Amino acid sequence: MHAKRIHKIVGPAITAAFLMLIAVMMAAQDVTYNAMPGTNFSKYHSYKWIDIPGGAHPNQIMDAEIKQAVDGQLSPKGLTKTDAENADLLVGYQIAVDQQKQWNAYGMGRGFGGGMATASSSNIDIGTMVLDMYDPATKQLVWTGRATKTLDPSSNQEKNQKNLDKAMAKLLKNYPPKQ
């Protein structure tokens, strides 16, 4: 009789623990990044924020929170934020709070000081942020990263900031990439 009573208590507890584990795994943020082969990232010491033409951007409050989260990760890596025209890197982002188009621009231009050669689009899933870094000298994308389950404007602001900080730490953990 004692074994049956233990089974009745432990069985549901194990099931509940398993379901919680699945929920945590499903809620985990996924990050991916890619870098232009052969790029010497040690030459980058400063960066300037830019808007990606055609990209989705949030309200001013969320924009400031996103930039603060990224700035907090780039500064310890030796990159200094500047507003000067001669920044070593141009950094921009796009977000999706519902499924939206992501613009992939090549031979960046007008928004960065020339003319855009080509652009293509793809979909960004809900709550995703895409961070791009361009070399202004070559006008080439040199690093891109994507963090999912990062943004939820319907959630409370403190929780959003924690999720954003966590996602940017995870996304930029391996920046600069090992060559």
Protein backbone atom coordinates (compact mmCIF):
# COMPACT_ATOMS: atom_id res chain seq x y z
CA MET A 1 0.00 0.00 0.00
CA HIS A 2 2.83 2.38 0.82
CA ALA A 3 4.38 2.04 -2.67
CA LYS A 4 1.06 2.92 -4.35
CA ARG A 5 0.73 6.05 -2.24
CA ILE A 6 4.27 7.16 -3.17
CA HIS A 7 3.54 6.49 -6.85
CA LYS A 8 0.37 8.64 -6.65
CA ILE A 9 2.40 11.53 -5.22
CA VAL A 10 5.64 11.19 -7.22
CA GLY A 11 4.05 10.41 -10.60
CA PRO A 12 2.27 13.78 -10.96
CA ALA A 13 5.31 15.63 -9.59
CA ILE A 14 7.57 14.07 -12.23
CA THR A 15 5.03 14.89 -14.94
CA ALA A 16 4.81 18.51 -13.75
CA ALA A 17 8.62 18.84 -13.66
CA PHE A 18 8.87 17.41 -17.18
CA LEU A 19 6.25 19.85 -18.49
CA MET A 20 8.07 22.78 -16.86
CA LEU A 21 11.33 21.67 -18.48
CA ILE A 22 9.65 21.58 -21.90
CA ALA A 23 8.19 25.06 -21.33
CA VAL A 24 11.62 26.44 -20.36
CA MET A 25 13.24 24.83 -23.40
CA MET A 26 10.56 26.23 -25.72
CA ALA A 27 10.92 29.72 -24.22
CA ALA A 28 14.72 29.72 -24.53
CA GLN A 29 16.18 32.37 -26.75
CA ASP A 30 17.95 31.14 -29.85
CA VAL A 31 20.80 33.13 -31.35
CA THR A 32 22.66 32.73 -34.60
CA TYR A 33 25.35 34.85 -36.15
CA ASN A 34 27.52 34.91 -39.21
CA ALA A 35 30.58 36.89 -40.24
CA MET A 36 32.15 37.79 -43.56
CA PRO A 37 35.05 35.34 -44.10
CA GLY A 38 38.47 36.98 -43.98
CA THR A 39 37.31 40.07 -42.07
CA ASN A 40 39.92 41.46 -39.68
CA PHE A 41 37.70 42.45 -36.74
CA SER A 42 40.69 43.75 -34.75
CA LYS A 43 40.68 46.89 -36.93
CA TYR A 44 37.27 47.95 -35.59
CA HIS A 45 37.46 50.26 -32.58
CA SER A 46 34.44 52.54 -32.95
CA TYR A 47 30.87 52.21 -34.15
CA LYS A 48 27.98 54.44 -35.07
CA TRP A 49 24.28 53.58 -34.93
CA ILE A 50 22.43 53.75 -38.24
CA ASP A 51 18.89 53.06 -39.40
CA ILE A 52 18.54 50.22 -41.88
CA PRO A 53 16.41 51.54 -44.76
CA GLY A 54 13.10 49.67 -44.97
CA GLY A 55 13.73 47.84 -41.68
CA ALA A 56 11.15 47.64 -38.91
CA HIS A 57 11.95 49.76 -35.86
CA PRO A 58 10.16 50.16 -32.51
CA ASN A 59 9.01 53.22 -30.62
CA GLN A 60 11.60 55.60 -29.14
CA ILE A 61 11.60 53.94 -25.71
CA MET A 62 12.26 50.45 -27.06
CA ASP A 63 14.81 51.87 -29.50
CA ALA A 64 16.76 53.35 -26.57
CA GLU A 65 16.51 50.07 -24.63
CA ILE A 66 17.79 48.03 -27.59
CA LYS A 67 20.71 50.39 -28.20
CA GLN A 68 21.56 50.42 -24.49
CA ALA A 69 21.60 46.59 -24.39
CA VAL A 70 23.88 46.38 -27.44
CA ASP A 71 26.13 49.24 -26.23
CA GLY A 72 26.53 47.39 -22.93
CA GLN A 73 27.89 44.35 -24.77
CA LEU A 74 30.11 46.14 -27.33
CA SER A 75 31.88 48.46 -24.88
CA PRO A 76 33.68 45.65 -22.95
CA LYS A 77 34.83 44.28 -26.31
CA GLY A 78 36.80 47.47 -26.99
CA LEU A 79 34.29 49.19 -29.26
CA THR A 80 33.47 52.84 -28.57
CA LYS A 81 30.17 54.36 -29.65
CA THR A 82 30.53 57.59 -31.62
CA ASP A 83 28.41 59.95 -33.69
CA ALA A 84 31.41 60.85 -35.87
CA GLU A 85 31.29 60.20 -39.59
CA ASN A 86 34.56 58.23 -39.48
CA ALA A 87 33.31 55.32 -37.33
CA ASP A 88 34.97 51.97 -38.04
CA LEU A 89 31.62 50.10 -38.03
CA LEU A 90 28.04 51.03 -38.77
CA VAL A 91 25.60 49.14 -36.54
CA GLY A 92 21.89 48.81 -37.21
CA TYR A 93 19.03 46.56 -36.21
CA GLN A 94 15.57 45.44 -37.24
CA ILE A 95 12.88 43.90 -35.08
CA ALA A 96 9.66 42.01 -35.57
CA VAL A 97 6.90 42.07 -33.01
CA ASP A 98 4.75 40.22 -35.49
CA GLN A 99 5.93 38.53 -38.69
CA GLN A 100 7.47 41.25 -40.85
CA LYS A 101 9.84 41.64 -43.73
CA GLN A 102 13.57 41.81 -43.12
CA TRP A 103 15.56 43.83 -45.62
CA ASN A 104 18.94 42.43 -46.62
CA ALA A 105 20.86 45.20 -48.36
CA TYR A 106 24.07 44.78 -50.28
CA GLY A 107 26.36 47.58 -51.42
CA MET A 108 24.71 49.82 -48.83
CA GLY A 109 24.01 53.28 -49.88
CA ARG A 110 21.70 56.20 -49.46
CA GLY A 111 21.09 55.62 -45.74
CA PHE A 112 24.86 55.16 -45.35
CA GLY A 113 26.06 57.77 -47.81
CA GLY A 114 25.79 56.44 -51.39
CA GLY A 115 23.19 54.45 -53.32
CA MET A 116 21.85 51.01 -52.45
CA ALA A 117 22.88 48.51 -55.12
CA THR A 118 20.48 45.65 -54.34
CA ALA A 119 18.13 44.53 -51.60
CA SER A 120 16.15 41.40 -50.90
CA SER A 121 13.70 40.52 -48.17
CA SER A 122 12.83 37.58 -45.98
CA ASN A 123 10.49 37.10 -43.01
CA ILE A 124 11.46 37.69 -39.39
CA ASP A 125 9.54 35.69 -36.78
CA ILE A 126 7.68 37.30 -33.89
CA GLY A 127 9.92 38.66 -31.12
CA THR A 128 13.10 38.49 -33.21
CA MET A 129 15.84 41.09 -33.44
CA VAL A 130 18.42 41.16 -36.21
CA LEU A 131 21.66 43.07 -35.56
CA ASP A 132 23.88 43.99 -38.52
CA MET A 133 27.38 45.49 -38.68
CA TYR A 134 28.71 47.12 -41.82
CA ASP A 135 32.20 48.23 -42.79
CA PRO A 136 31.73 51.79 -44.11
CA ALA A 137 34.97 51.64 -46.13
CA THR A 138 33.90 48.60 -48.16
CA LYS A 139 30.13 49.19 -47.76
CA GLN A 140 29.80 45.48 -46.93
CA LEU A 141 27.92 43.59 -44.24
CA VAL A 142 30.68 42.06 -42.08
CA TRP A 143 28.64 40.59 -39.21
CA THR A 144 24.99 39.71 -38.68
CA GLY A 145 23.20 38.12 -35.76
CA ARG A 146 19.66 37.08 -34.96
CA ALA A 147 18.09 36.60 -31.54
CA THR A 148 14.64 35.03 -31.26
CA LYS A 149 12.12 35.32 -28.43
CA THR A 150 13.73 38.63 -27.48
CA LEU A 151 10.94 41.19 -27.65
CA ASP A 152 7.36 41.11 -26.43
CA PRO A 153 5.79 44.58 -26.35
CA SER A 154 2.74 43.21 -24.52
CA SER A 155 4.94 42.08 -21.61
CA ASN A 156 6.04 44.33 -18.76
CA GLN A 157 8.94 46.69 -19.42
CA GLU A 158 11.26 45.29 -16.74
CA LYS A 159 10.84 41.73 -18.06
CA ASN A 160 11.42 42.96 -21.63
CA GLN A 161 14.65 44.71 -20.61
CA LYS A 162 15.92 41.56 -18.84
CA ASN A 163 15.09 39.43 -21.90
CA LEU A 164 16.76 41.96 -24.19
CA ASP A 165 19.91 42.21 -22.05
CA LYS A 166 20.12 38.41 -21.81
CA ALA A 167 19.63 37.99 -25.57
CA MET A 168 22.27 40.61 -26.47
CA ALA A 169 24.78 39.04 -24.06
CA LYS A 170 24.13 35.66 -25.66
CA LEU A 171 24.19 37.06 -29.23
CA LEU A 172 27.41 39.05 -28.80
CA LYS A 173 29.18 36.49 -26.59
CA ASN A 174 31.32 35.34 -29.52
CA TYR A 175 31.93 38.78 -31.04
CA PRO A 176 34.41 39.28 -32.52
CA PRO A 177 34.28 35.88 -34.15
CA LYS A 178 37.31 33.63 -33.97
CA GLN A 179 39.01 33.57 -37.36
